[in-house]
């Protein structure tokens, strides 16, 4: 079920827009023309082929996962040769 909101309605009721996005896409208009679409993450992943970049995953406000990359041992760095 698609929902359409004006930019003003979206800004006045963001939580309502997020609830509507859980049921289907939310089209946000600007001066009467569609400008943006709000989707649930599940719908986005389905449309994007199920892939999300690491940068996008880390940028999510509600990201809740551990990221502990292995440390690289010594020997790969050296002082700069400025001569």
PDB file of N, CA and C in Angstrom:
ATOM      1  N   UNK A   1       0.841  -1.178   0.000  1.00  0.00           N
ATOM      2  CA  UNK A   1       0.000   0.000   0.000  1.00  0.00           C
ATOM      3  C   UNK A   1       0.887   1.243   0.000  1.00  0.00           C
ATOM      4  N   UNK A   2       0.830   2.020  -1.047  1.00  0.00           N
ATOM      5  CA  UNK A   2       1.643   3.230  -1.167  1.00  0.00           C
ATOM      6  C   UNK A   2       0.950   4.404  -0.481  1.00  0.00           C
ATOM      7  N   UNK A   3       1.760   5.292   0.078  1.00  0.00           N
ATOM      8  CA  UNK A   3       1.278   6.490   0.743  1.00  0.00           C
ATOM      9  C   UNK A   3       1.963   7.690   0.110  1.00  0.00           C
ATOM     10  N   UNK A   4       1.251   8.800  -0.006  1.00  0.00           N
ATOM     11  CA  UNK A   4       1.844  10.030  -0.525  1.00  0.00           C
ATOM     12  C   UNK A   4       1.702  11.112   0.532  1.00  0.00           C
ATOM     13  N   UNK A   5       2.815  11.785   0.819  1.00  0.00           N
ATOM     14  CA  UNK A   5       2.841  12.884   1.781  1.00  0.00           C
ATOM     15  C   UNK A   5       3.502  14.093   1.146  1.00  0.00           C
ATOM     16  N   UNK A   6       3.058  15.270   1.528  1.00  0.00           N
ATOM     17  CA  UNK A   6       3.779  16.469   1.120  1.00  0.00           C
ATOM     18  C   UNK A   6       5.024  16.589   1.991  1.00  0.00           C
ATOM     19  N   UNK A   7       5.969  17.401   1.572  1.00  0.00           N
ATOM     20  CA  UNK A   7       7.170  17.624   2.391  1.00  0.00           C
ATOM     21  C   UNK A   7       6.796  18.131   3.767  1.00  0.00           C
ATOM     22  N   UNK A   8       5.825  19.009   3.826  1.00  0.00           N
ATOM     23  CA  UNK A   8       5.387  19.568   5.112  1.00  0.00           C
ATOM     24  C   UNK A   8       4.806  18.472   6.003  1.00  0.00           C
ATOM     25  N   UNK A   9       3.948  17.617   5.437  1.00  0.00           N
ATOM     26  CA  UNK A   9       3.363  16.522   6.218  1.00  0.00           C
ATOM     27  C   UNK A   9       4.455  15.582   6.726  1.00  0.00           C
ATOM     28  N   UNK A  10       5.437  15.306   5.864  1.00  0.00           N
ATOM     29  CA  UNK A  10       6.540  14.438   6.268  1.00  0.00           C
ATOM     30  C   UNK A  10       7.295  15.031   7.455  1.00  0.00           C
ATOM     31  N   UNK A  11       7.618  16.316   7.384  1.00  0.00           N
ATOM     32  CA  UNK A  11       8.368  16.955   8.473  1.00  0.00           C
ATOM     33  C   UNK A  11       7.546  17.057   9.756  1.00  0.00           C
ATOM     34  N   UNK A  12       6.239  17.194   9.623  1.00  0.00           N
ATOM     35  CA  UNK A  12       5.380  17.309  10.806  1.00  0.00           C
ATOM     36  C   UNK A  12       5.114  15.962  11.471  1.00  0.00           C
ATOM     37  N   UNK A  13       5.210  14.864  10.719  1.00  0.00           N
ATOM     38  CA  UNK A  13       4.890  13.547  11.282  1.00  0.00           C
ATOM     39  C   UNK A  13       5.847  12.485  10.736  1.00  0.00           C
ATOM     40  N   UNK A  14       7.119  12.627  11.069  1.00  0.00           N
ATOM     41  CA  UNK A  14       8.126  11.682  10.588  1.00  0.00           C
ATOM     42  C   UNK A  14       7.846  10.276  11.093  1.00  0.00           C
ATOM     43  N   UNK A  15       7.437  10.143  12.342  1.00  0.00           N
ATOM     44  CA  UNK A  15       7.175   8.804  12.873  1.00  0.00           C
ATOM     45  C   UNK A  15       6.000   8.154  12.146  1.00  0.00           C
ATOM     46  N   UNK A  16       5.000   8.929  11.773  1.00  0.00           N
ATOM     47  CA  UNK A  16       3.891   8.397  10.997  1.00  0.00           C
ATOM     48  C   UNK A  16       4.342   7.939   9.619  1.00  0.00           C
ATOM     49  N   UNK A  17       5.282   8.675   9.024  1.00  0.00           N
ATOM     50  CA  UNK A  17       5.824   8.287   7.717  1.00  0.00           C
ATOM     51  C   UNK A  17       6.588   6.975   7.833  1.00  0.00           C
ATOM     52  N   UNK A  18       7.351   6.807   8.918  1.00  0.00           N
ATOM     53  CA  UNK A  18       8.091   5.556   9.106  1.00  0.00           C
ATOM     54  C   UNK A  18       7.126   4.385   9.302  1.00  0.00           C
ATOM     55  N   UNK A  19       6.052   4.593  10.027  1.00  0.00           N
ATOM     56  CA  UNK A  19       5.049   3.533  10.195  1.00  0.00           C
ATOM     57  C   UNK A  19       4.413   3.179   8.860  1.00  0.00           C
ATOM     58  N   UNK A  20       4.115   4.187   8.053  1.00  0.00           N
ATOM     59  CA  UNK A  20       3.522   3.938   6.741  1.00  0.00           C
ATOM     60  C   UNK A  20       4.497   3.193   5.841  1.00  0.00           C
ATOM     61  N   UNK A  21       5.804   3.486   5.960  1.00  0.00           N
ATOM     62  CA  UNK A  21       6.816   2.817   5.141  1.00  0.00           C
ATOM     63  C   UNK A  21       6.926   1.334   5.473  1.00  0.00           C
ATOM     64  N   UNK A  22       6.522   0.944   6.669  1.00  0.00           N
ATOM     65  CA  UNK A  22       6.552  -0.479   7.010  1.00  0.00           C
ATOM     66  C   UNK A  22       5.462  -1.247   6.268  1.00  0.00           C
ATOM     67  N   UNK A  23       4.481  -0.523   5.719  1.00  0.00           N
ATOM     68  CA  UNK A  23       3.385  -1.150   4.972  1.00  0.00           C
ATOM     69  C   UNK A  23       3.541  -0.999   3.462  1.00  0.00           C
ATOM     70  N   UNK A  24       4.458  -0.127   3.034  1.00  0.00           N
ATOM     71  CA  UNK A  24       4.661   0.105   1.606  1.00  0.00           C
ATOM     72  C   UNK A  24       5.427   1.396   1.397  1.00  0.00           C
ATOM     73  N   UNK A  25       5.761   1.727   0.153  1.00  0.00           N
ATOM     74  CA  UNK A  25       6.545   2.937  -0.108  1.00  0.00           C
ATOM     75  C   UNK A  25       5.779   4.203   0.249  1.00  0.00           C
ATOM     76  N   UNK A  26       6.524   5.209   0.707  1.00  0.00           N
ATOM     77  CA  UNK A  26       5.949   6.509   1.019  1.00  0.00           C
ATOM     78  C   UNK A  26       6.545   7.512   0.039  1.00  0.00           C
ATOM     79  N   UNK A  27       5.722   8.081  -0.810  1.00  0.00           N
ATOM     80  CA  UNK A  27       6.159   9.076  -1.773  1.00  0.00           C
ATOM     81  C   UNK A  27       6.042  10.446  -1.129  1.00  0.00           C
ATOM     82  N   UNK A  28       7.136  11.199  -1.166  1.00  0.00           N
ATOM     83  CA  UNK A  28       7.159  12.531  -0.573  1.00  0.00           C
ATOM     84  C   UNK A  28       7.233  13.538  -1.712  1.00  0.00           C
ATOM     85  N   UNK A  29       6.247  14.434  -1.741  1.00  0.00           N
ATOM     86  CA  UNK A  29       6.178  15.390  -2.837  1.00  0.00           C
ATOM     87  C   UNK A  29       6.760  16.737  -2.424  1.00  0.00           C
ATOM     88  N   UNK A  30       7.241  17.442  -3.411  1.00  0.00           N
ATOM     89  CA  UNK A  30       7.744  18.799  -3.232  1.00  0.00           C
ATOM     90  C   UNK A  30       7.088  19.648  -4.301  1.00  0.00           C
ATOM     91  N   UNK A  31       6.247  20.562  -3.877  1.00  0.00           N
ATOM     92  CA  UNK A  31       5.470  21.400  -4.797  1.00  0.00           C
ATOM     93  C   UNK A  31       4.600  20.561  -5.730  1.00  0.00           C
ATOM     94  N   UNK A  32       4.026  19.508  -5.157  1.00  0.00           N
ATOM     95  CA  UNK A  32       3.095  18.673  -5.898  1.00  0.00           C
ATOM     96  C   UNK A  32       3.711  17.615  -6.785  1.00  0.00           C
ATOM     97  N   UNK A  33       5.044  17.556  -6.848  1.00  0.00           N
ATOM     98  CA  UNK A  33       5.713  16.569  -7.690  1.00  0.00           C
ATOM     99  C   UNK A  33       6.473  15.578  -6.821  1.00  0.00           C
ATOM    100  N   UNK A  34       6.442  14.285  -7.155  1.00  0.00           N
ATOM    101  CA  UNK A  34       7.200  13.305  -6.374  1.00  0.00           C
ATOM    102  C   UNK A  34       8.681  13.667  -6.354  1.00  0.00           C
ATOM    103  N   UNK A  35       9.272  13.688  -5.148  1.00  0.00           N
ATOM    104  CA  UNK A  35      10.677  14.070  -5.007  1.00  0.00           C
ATOM    105  C   UNK A  35      11.506  12.994  -4.321  1.00  0.00           C
ATOM    106  N   UNK A  36      10.897  12.246  -3.407  1.00  0.00           N
ATOM    107  CA  UNK A  36      11.626  11.235  -2.635  1.00  0.00           C
ATOM    108  C   UNK A  36      10.704  10.051  -2.364  1.00  0.00           C
ATOM    109  N   UNK A  37      11.337   8.920  -2.049  1.00  0.00           N
ATOM    110  CA  UNK A  37      10.583   7.727  -1.656  1.00  0.00           C
ATOM    111  C   UNK A  37      11.206   7.181  -0.382  1.00  0.00           C
ATOM    112  N   UNK A  38      10.393   6.946   0.618  1.00  0.00           N
ATOM    113  CA  UNK A  38      10.835   6.350   1.873  1.00  0.00           C
ATOM    114  C   UNK A  38      10.447   4.883   1.851  1.00  0.00           C
ATOM    115  N   UNK A  39      11.450   4.002   2.078  1.00  0.00           N
ATOM    116  CA  UNK A  39      11.225   2.563   2.072  1.00  0.00           C
ATOM    117  C   UNK A  39      11.727   1.952   3.365  1.00  0.00           C
ATOM    118  N   UNK A  40      11.154   0.821   3.739  1.00  0.00           N
ATOM    119  CA  UNK A  40      11.723   0.057   4.838  1.00  0.00           C
ATOM    120  C   UNK A  40      13.045  -0.527   4.352  1.00  0.00           C
ATOM    121  N   UNK A  41      13.931  -0.876   5.265  1.00  0.00           N
ATOM    122  CA  UNK A  41      15.214  -1.446   4.863  1.00  0.00           C
ATOM    123  C   UNK A  41      15.001  -2.766   4.128  1.00  0.00           C
ATOM    124  N   UNK A  42      13.995  -3.532   4.515  1.00  0.00           N
ATOM    125  CA  UNK A  42      13.707  -4.794   3.840  1.00  0.00           C
ATOM    126  C   UNK A  42      13.342  -4.557   2.377  1.00  0.00           C
ATOM    127  N   UNK A  43      12.480  -3.561   2.132  1.00  0.00           N
ATOM    128  CA  UNK A  43      12.099  -3.253   0.754  1.00  0.00           C
ATOM    129  C   UNK A  43      13.299  -2.740  -0.042  1.00  0.00           C
ATOM    130  N   UNK A  44      14.117  -1.902   0.590  1.00  0.00           N
ATOM    131  CA  UNK A  44      15.306  -1.390  -0.091  1.00  0.00           C
ATOM    132  C   UNK A  44      16.246  -2.528  -0.479  1.00  0.00           C
ATOM    133  N   UNK A  45      16.518  -3.437   0.451  1.00  0.00           N
ATOM    134  CA  UNK A  45      17.418  -4.551   0.163  1.00  0.00           C
ATOM    135  C   UNK A  45      16.846  -5.458  -0.927  1.00  0.00           C
ATOM    136  N   UNK A  46      15.546  -5.653  -0.909  1.00  0.00           N
ATOM    137  CA  UNK A  46      14.918  -6.471  -1.948  1.00  0.00           C
ATOM    138  C   UNK A  46      15.093  -5.806  -3.309  1.00  0.00           C
ATOM    139  N   UNK A  47      14.883  -4.497  -3.386  1.00  0.00           N
ATOM    140  CA  UNK A  47      15.007  -3.780  -4.657  1.00  0.00           C
ATOM    141  C   UNK A  47      16.455  -3.652  -5.122  1.00  0.00           C
ATOM    142  N   UNK A  48      17.381  -3.565  -4.179  1.00  0.00           N
ATOM    143  CA  UNK A  48      18.786  -3.382  -4.546  1.00  0.00           C
ATOM    144  C   UNK A  48      19.514  -4.705  -4.743  1.00  0.00           C
ATOM    145  N   UNK A  49      18.804  -5.792  -4.696  1.00  0.00           N
ATOM    146  CA  UNK A  49      19.425  -7.094  -4.887  1.00  0.00           C
ATOM    147  C   UNK A  49      19.993  -7.672  -3.614  1.00  0.00           C
ATOM    148  N   UNK A  50      19.630  -7.104  -2.474  1.00  0.00           N
ATOM    149  CA  UNK A  50      20.066  -7.650  -1.192  1.00  0.00           C
ATOM    150  C   UNK A  50      21.443  -7.216  -0.755  1.00  0.00           C
ATOM    151  N   UNK A  51      22.031  -6.276  -1.455  1.00  0.00           N
ATOM    152  CA  UNK A  51      23.377  -5.840  -1.106  1.00  0.00           C
ATOM    153  C   UNK A  51      23.332  -4.439  -0.518  1.00  0.00           C
ATOM    154  N   UNK A  52      24.107  -4.246   0.506  1.00  0.00           N
ATOM    155  CA  UNK A  52      24.256  -2.932   1.106  1.00  0.00           C
ATOM    156  C   UNK A  52      25.744  -2.750   1.380  1.00  0.00           C
ATOM    157  N   UNK A  53      26.264  -1.599   1.050  1.00  0.00           N
ATOM    158  CA  UNK A  53      27.702  -1.379   1.235  1.00  0.00           C
ATOM    159  C   UNK A  53      28.018  -1.221   2.716  1.00  0.00           C
ATOM    160  N   UNK A  54      29.264  -1.438   3.056  1.00  0.00           N
ATOM    161  CA  UNK A  54      29.692  -1.263   4.443  1.00  0.00           C
ATOM    162  C   UNK A  54      29.456   0.177   4.883  1.00  0.00           C
ATOM    163  N   UNK A  55      29.755   1.131   4.015  1.00  0.00           N
ATOM    164  CA  UNK A  55      29.541   2.542   4.351  1.00  0.00           C
ATOM    165  C   UNK A  55      28.074   2.818   4.640  1.00  0.00           C
ATOM    166  N   UNK A  56      27.164   2.276   3.827  1.00  0.00           N
ATOM    167  CA  UNK A  56      25.733   2.466   4.066  1.00  0.00           C
ATOM    168  C   UNK A  56      25.295   1.798   5.366  1.00  0.00           C
ATOM    169  N   UNK A  57      25.811   0.618   5.632  1.00  0.00           N
ATOM    170  CA  UNK A  57      25.452  -0.087   6.865  1.00  0.00           C
ATOM    171  C   UNK A  57      25.910   0.693   8.091  1.00  0.00           C
ATOM    172  N   UNK A  58      27.124   1.233   8.045  1.00  0.00           N
ATOM    173  CA  UNK A  58      27.643   1.991   9.182  1.00  0.00           C
ATOM    174  C   UNK A  58      26.939   3.332   9.343  1.00  0.00           C
ATOM    175  N   UNK A  59      26.396   3.863   8.249  1.00  0.00           N
ATOM    176  CA  UNK A  59      25.730   5.165   8.296  1.00  0.00           C
ATOM    177  C   UNK A  59      24.328   5.096   8.889  1.00  0.00           C
ATOM    178  N   UNK A  60      23.783   3.897   9.024  1.00  0.00           N
ATOM    179  CA  UNK A  60      22.442   3.768   9.575  1.00  0.00           C
ATOM    180  C   UNK A  60      22.435   4.220  11.028  1.00  0.00           C
ATOM    181  N   UNK A  61      21.462   5.047  11.362  1.00  0.00           N
ATOM    182  CA  UNK A  61      21.379   5.584  12.716  1.00  0.00           C
ATOM    183  C   UNK A  61      21.160   4.481  13.752  1.00  0.00           C
ATOM    184  N   UNK A  62      20.456   3.436  13.384  1.00  0.00           N
ATOM    185  CA  UNK A  62      20.159   2.372  14.347  1.00  0.00           C
ATOM    186  C   UNK A  62      21.041   1.142  14.150  1.00  0.00           C
ATOM    187  N   UNK A  63      22.191   1.332  13.480  1.00  0.00           N
ATOM    188  CA  UNK A  63      23.104   0.206  13.252  1.00  0.00           C
ATOM    189  C   UNK A  63      23.550  -0.351  14.599  1.00  0.00           C
ATOM    190  N   UNK A  64      23.421  -1.643  14.760  1.00  0.00           N
ATOM    191  CA  UNK A  64      23.757  -2.272  16.030  1.00  0.00           C
ATOM    192  C   UNK A  64      24.510  -3.569  15.757  1.00  0.00           C
ATOM    193  N   UNK A  65      25.789  -3.446  15.463  1.00  0.00           N
ATOM    194  CA  UNK A  65      26.615  -4.615  15.246  1.00  0.00           C
ATOM    195  C   UNK A  65      28.049  -4.271  15.591  1.00  0.00           C
ATOM    196  N   UNK A  66      28.810  -5.285  15.912  1.00  0.00           N
ATOM    197  CA  UNK A  66      30.211  -5.091  16.250  1.00  0.00           C
ATOM    198  C   UNK A  66      31.054  -5.129  14.988  1.00  0.00           C
ATOM    199  N   UNK A  67      32.055  -4.283  14.944  1.00  0.00           N
ATOM    200  CA  UNK A  67      32.977  -4.273  13.817  1.00  0.00           C
ATOM    201  C   UNK A  67      34.380  -4.177  14.388  1.00  0.00           C
ATOM    202  N   UNK A  68      35.051  -5.301  14.463  1.00  0.00           N
ATOM    203  CA  UNK A  68      36.408  -5.376  14.986  1.00  0.00           C
ATOM    204  C   UNK A  68      37.320  -5.993  13.933  1.00  0.00           C
ATOM    205  N   UNK A  69      37.800  -5.168  13.000  1.00  0.00           N
ATOM    206  CA  UNK A  69      38.686  -5.737  11.980  1.00  0.00           C
ATOM    207  C   UNK A  69      39.995  -6.181  12.618  1.00  0.00           C
ATOM    208  N   UNK A  70      40.622  -7.212  12.058  1.00  0.00           N
ATOM    209  CA  UNK A  70      41.893  -7.672  12.631  1.00  0.00           C
ATOM    210  C   UNK A  70      42.976  -6.612  12.458  1.00  0.00           C
ATOM    211  N   UNK A  71      43.833  -6.520  13.449  1.00  0.00           N
ATOM    212  CA  UNK A  71      44.960  -5.578  13.391  1.00  0.00           C
ATOM    213  C   UNK A  71      46.056  -6.161  12.519  1.00  0.00           C
ATOM    214  N   UNK A  72      46.647  -5.322  11.731  1.00  0.00           N
ATOM    215  CA  UNK A  72      47.755  -5.766  10.888  1.00  0.00           C
ATOM    216  C   UNK A  72      49.026  -5.637  11.711  1.00  0.00           C
ATOM    217  N   UNK A  73      49.843  -6.688  11.695  1.00  0.00           N
ATOM    218  CA  UNK A  73      51.091  -6.682  12.445  1.00  0.00           C
ATOM    219  C   UNK A  73      52.072  -5.643  11.925  1.00  0.00           C
ATOM    220  N   UNK A  74      53.139  -5.438  12.679  1.00  0.00           N
ATOM    221  CA  UNK A  74      54.155  -4.458  12.308  1.00  0.00           C
ATOM    222  C   UNK A  74      54.858  -4.850  11.015  1.00  0.00           C
ATOM    223  N   UNK A  75      55.679  -3.952  10.512  1.00  0.00           N
ATOM    224  CA  UNK A  75      56.466  -4.244   9.346  1.00  0.00           C
ATOM    225  C   UNK A  75      55.902  -3.699   8.048  1.00  0.00           C
ATOM    226  N   UNK A  76      54.692  -3.144   8.048  1.00  0.00           N
ATOM    227  CA  UNK A  76      54.176  -2.633   6.785  1.00  0.00           C
ATOM    228  C   UNK A  76      54.398  -1.139   6.648  1.00  0.00           C
ATOM    229  N   UNK A  77      54.777  -0.495   7.726  1.00  0.00           N
ATOM    230  CA  UNK A  77      55.020   0.943   7.630  1.00  0.00           C
ATOM    231  C   UNK A  77      56.504   1.218   7.836  1.00  0.00           C
ATOM    232  N   UNK A  78      56.931   2.333   7.316  1.00  0.00           N
ATOM    233  CA  UNK A  78      58.325   2.739   7.473  1.00  0.00           C
ATOM    234  C   UNK A  78      58.384   4.260   7.461  1.00  0.00           C
ATOM    235  N   UNK A  79      59.428   4.825   8.009  1.00  0.00           N
ATOM    236  CA  UNK A  79      59.522   6.295   8.008  1.00  0.00           C
ATOM    237  C   UNK A  79      59.615   6.830   6.584  1.00  0.00           C
ATOM    238  N   UNK A  80      59.083   8.012   6.384  1.00  0.00           N
ATOM    239  CA  UNK A  80      59.123   8.635   5.065  1.00  0.00           C
ATOM    240  C   UNK A  80      60.548   9.049   4.716  1.00  0.00           C
ATOM    241  N   UNK A  81      60.924   8.847   3.465  1.00  0.00           N
ATOM    242  CA  UNK A  81      62.233   9.259   2.964  1.00  0.00           C
ATOM    243  C   UNK A  81      62.057  10.633   2.319  1.00  0.00           C
ATOM    244  N   UNK A  82      62.465  11.685   3.044  1.00  0.00           N
ATOM    245  CA  UNK A  82      62.254  13.040   2.575  1.00  0.00           C
ATOM    246  C   UNK A  82      63.456  13.615   1.819  1.00  0.00           C
ATOM    247  N   UNK A  83      64.485  12.829   1.558  1.00  0.00           N
ATOM    248  CA  UNK A  83      65.661  13.324   0.839  1.00  0.00           C
ATOM    249  C   UNK A  83      65.473  13.250  -0.649  1.00  0.00           C
TER     250      UNK A  83
END
